[in-house]
Amino acid sequence: MPQQVRALGKKELSKIPVFGWVVAKFAIWVERDNPESRKESIPKLIKFLQKGISIVVAPEGTRNDSENVLLPFRKGAFRLSIETGIPILPFAIIDADKIHKRGSLLLSPGKVKVYFSKPIYPSDQHSIDELSEKCRNRLEAIILSHE
């Protein structure tokens, strides 16, 4: 990615020895089930966005081990996009599960493929659900065409 990025990460990952310390340099931690923690993360996210630093958000909130292409999306990133007018750049990471199995701290050698979509610009006409659905459709198409 040709610019600085920060990731929104679930707080429990910060407790993993070494990994949590390293990732903390690039992450904004949030307790997903704590409304106050989610609320406190918003000004931090906005501050980075105003500096031109992108925020990487996994809208599913967790790794997908289901048969579904995507899990239901959480709405925070879409709400933030509409409130700030900052576009969303959907991207899919293919084959990450082959080098990092869920629940394991070990990485295996391998390659991942990253596919970027065109930006999706929020408008006053978008509801949070409409913007979320538009991004979901775009991601699903990327995943299905590259698996």
Protein backbone atom coordinates (compact mmCIF):
# COMPACT_ATOMS: atom_id res chain seq x y z
CA MET A 1 0.00 0.00 0.00
CA PRO A 2 1.48 3.33 -1.00
CA GLN A 3 0.64 5.12 2.25
CA GLN A 4 0.65 4.71 5.99
CA VAL A 5 -2.03 2.49 7.46
CA ARG A 6 -3.33 1.59 10.88
CA ALA A 7 -5.52 -1.40 11.68
CA LEU A 8 -8.51 -1.62 13.94
CA GLY A 9 -7.85 -4.71 16.03
CA LYS A 10 -9.67 -6.65 18.69
CA LYS A 11 -8.16 -5.94 22.08
CA GLU A 12 -7.64 -9.60 22.97
CA LEU A 13 -4.93 -9.79 20.29
CA SER A 14 -2.90 -7.23 22.25
CA LYS A 15 -2.37 -9.84 24.98
CA ILE A 16 -0.49 -12.28 22.72
CA PRO A 17 3.20 -12.16 23.73
CA VAL A 18 5.44 -10.34 21.23
CA PHE A 19 2.69 -10.21 18.56
CA GLY A 20 0.59 -7.82 20.66
CA TRP A 21 3.55 -5.53 21.27
CA VAL A 22 4.58 -5.47 17.60
CA VAL A 23 1.06 -4.99 16.24
CA ALA A 24 0.35 -2.23 18.80
CA LYS A 25 2.66 0.01 16.74
CA PHE A 26 0.12 -0.19 13.90
CA ALA A 27 -3.18 -0.94 15.63
CA ILE A 28 -5.98 0.83 17.35
CA TRP A 29 -7.28 -1.67 19.89
CA VAL A 30 -10.99 -1.97 20.60
CA GLU A 31 -13.06 -4.26 22.79
CA ARG A 32 -15.72 -5.27 20.29
CA ASP A 33 -18.36 -6.14 22.87
CA ASN A 34 -17.82 -2.94 24.87
CA PRO A 35 -19.82 0.02 23.48
CA GLU A 36 -17.66 2.49 25.44
CA SER A 37 -14.45 1.08 23.95
CA ARG A 38 -15.93 1.28 20.44
CA LYS A 39 -17.03 4.87 21.11
CA GLU A 40 -13.54 5.82 22.38
CA SER A 41 -11.92 4.46 19.22
CA ILE A 42 -13.82 6.86 16.92
CA PRO A 43 -11.84 10.06 17.69
CA LYS A 44 -8.58 8.10 17.30
CA LEU A 45 -9.71 6.79 13.91
CA ILE A 46 -10.79 10.25 12.76
CA LYS A 47 -7.46 11.72 13.85
CA PHE A 48 -5.56 9.23 11.67
CA LEU A 49 -7.92 9.72 8.74
CA GLN A 50 -7.49 13.51 8.92
CA LYS A 51 -3.73 12.98 8.64
CA GLY A 52 -4.24 10.94 5.45
CA ILE A 53 -3.51 7.64 7.19
CA SER A 54 -5.80 4.83 6.06
CA ILE A 55 -7.54 2.54 8.52
CA VAL A 56 -7.76 -1.18 7.77
CA VAL A 57 -10.95 -2.69 9.14
CA ALA A 58 -12.15 -6.28 8.88
CA PRO A 59 -15.90 -5.68 8.60
CA GLU A 60 -16.71 -9.29 9.46
CA GLY A 61 -15.02 -8.80 12.83
CA THR A 62 -13.39 -12.23 12.86
CA ARG A 63 -11.99 -14.90 10.58
CA ASN A 64 -14.52 -16.75 8.49
CA ASP A 65 -14.53 -20.50 9.04
CA SER A 66 -18.03 -20.96 7.65
CA GLU A 67 -19.19 -22.16 4.25
CA ASN A 68 -20.43 -18.63 3.49
CA VAL A 69 -18.29 -16.39 1.30
CA LEU A 70 -18.56 -13.62 3.91
CA LEU A 71 -19.91 -13.32 7.44
CA PRO A 72 -22.32 -10.51 8.35
CA PHE A 73 -20.63 -7.10 8.43
CA ARG A 74 -20.37 -4.88 11.47
CA LYS A 75 -21.50 -1.34 10.71
CA GLY A 76 -18.90 0.95 12.34
CA ALA A 77 -16.63 1.48 9.33
CA PHE A 78 -19.58 2.34 7.11
CA ARG A 79 -20.99 4.79 9.65
CA LEU A 80 -17.56 6.44 9.90
CA SER A 81 -17.26 6.66 6.10
CA ILE A 82 -20.62 8.40 5.79
CA GLU A 83 -19.91 10.77 8.69
CA THR A 84 -16.47 11.79 7.39
CA GLY A 85 -17.09 11.51 3.65
CA ILE A 86 -13.99 9.34 3.33
CA PRO A 87 -14.29 6.55 0.75
CA ILE A 88 -13.91 2.86 1.43
CA LEU A 89 -11.40 0.86 -0.59
CA PRO A 90 -12.55 -2.77 -0.45
CA PHE A 91 -9.81 -5.37 -0.75
CA ALA A 92 -9.66 -9.10 -0.34
CA ILE A 93 -6.77 -11.19 0.93
CA ILE A 94 -6.85 -14.62 -0.67
CA ASP A 95 -5.07 -17.70 0.78
CA ALA A 96 -4.11 -16.15 4.13
CA ASP A 97 -5.69 -19.16 5.83
CA LYS A 98 -3.09 -21.40 4.16
CA ILE A 99 -0.17 -19.65 5.84
CA HIS A 100 -1.79 -18.79 9.17
CA LYS A 101 -4.28 -21.27 10.57
CA ARG A 102 -6.93 -19.95 12.93
CA GLY A 103 -5.90 -20.34 16.55
CA SER A 104 -2.23 -20.88 15.73
CA LEU A 105 0.62 -18.49 16.45
CA LEU A 106 2.74 -20.17 13.78
CA LEU A 107 3.08 -19.01 10.19
CA SER A 108 3.76 -21.38 7.30
CA PRO A 109 5.65 -20.37 4.17
CA GLY A 110 3.43 -19.32 1.32
CA LYS A 111 1.97 -16.47 -0.66
CA VAL A 112 -1.19 -14.48 -0.29
CA LYS A 113 -2.87 -12.53 -3.03
CA VAL A 114 -4.37 -9.12 -2.35
CA TYR A 115 -6.98 -7.73 -4.72
CA PHE A 116 -8.13 -4.12 -4.51
CA SER A 117 -11.43 -2.80 -5.78
CA LYS A 118 -12.16 0.74 -6.88
CA PRO A 119 -13.01 3.11 -4.01
CA ILE A 120 -16.62 3.37 -2.95
CA TYR A 121 -17.51 6.96 -2.12
CA PRO A 122 -20.21 7.55 0.48
CA SER A 123 -22.99 9.98 -0.33
CA ASP A 124 -25.77 11.66 1.57
CA GLN A 125 -28.12 9.21 -0.15
CA HIS A 126 -26.37 6.14 1.26
CA SER A 127 -27.70 4.61 4.43
CA ILE A 128 -25.22 2.66 6.52
CA ASP A 129 -26.89 -0.57 5.38
CA GLU A 130 -26.75 0.43 1.70
CA LEU A 131 -23.05 1.32 1.87
CA SER A 132 -22.32 -1.89 3.75
CA GLU A 133 -24.22 -3.95 1.17
CA LYS A 134 -22.44 -2.25 -1.73
CA CYS A 135 -19.05 -3.07 -0.17
CA ARG A 136 -20.16 -6.60 0.65
CA ASN A 137 -21.25 -7.23 -2.95
CA ARG A 138 -17.94 -5.89 -4.26
CA LEU A 139 -15.89 -8.05 -1.86
CA GLU A 140 -17.92 -11.14 -2.58
CA ALA A 141 -17.36 -10.67 -6.32
CA ILE A 142 -13.60 -10.27 -5.80
CA ILE A 143 -13.40 -13.40 -3.64
CA LEU A 144 -15.51 -15.56 -5.94
CA SER A 145 -13.59 -14.51 -9.04
CA HIS A 146 -10.14 -15.19 -7.51
CA GLU A 147 -10.54 -18.38 -5.48
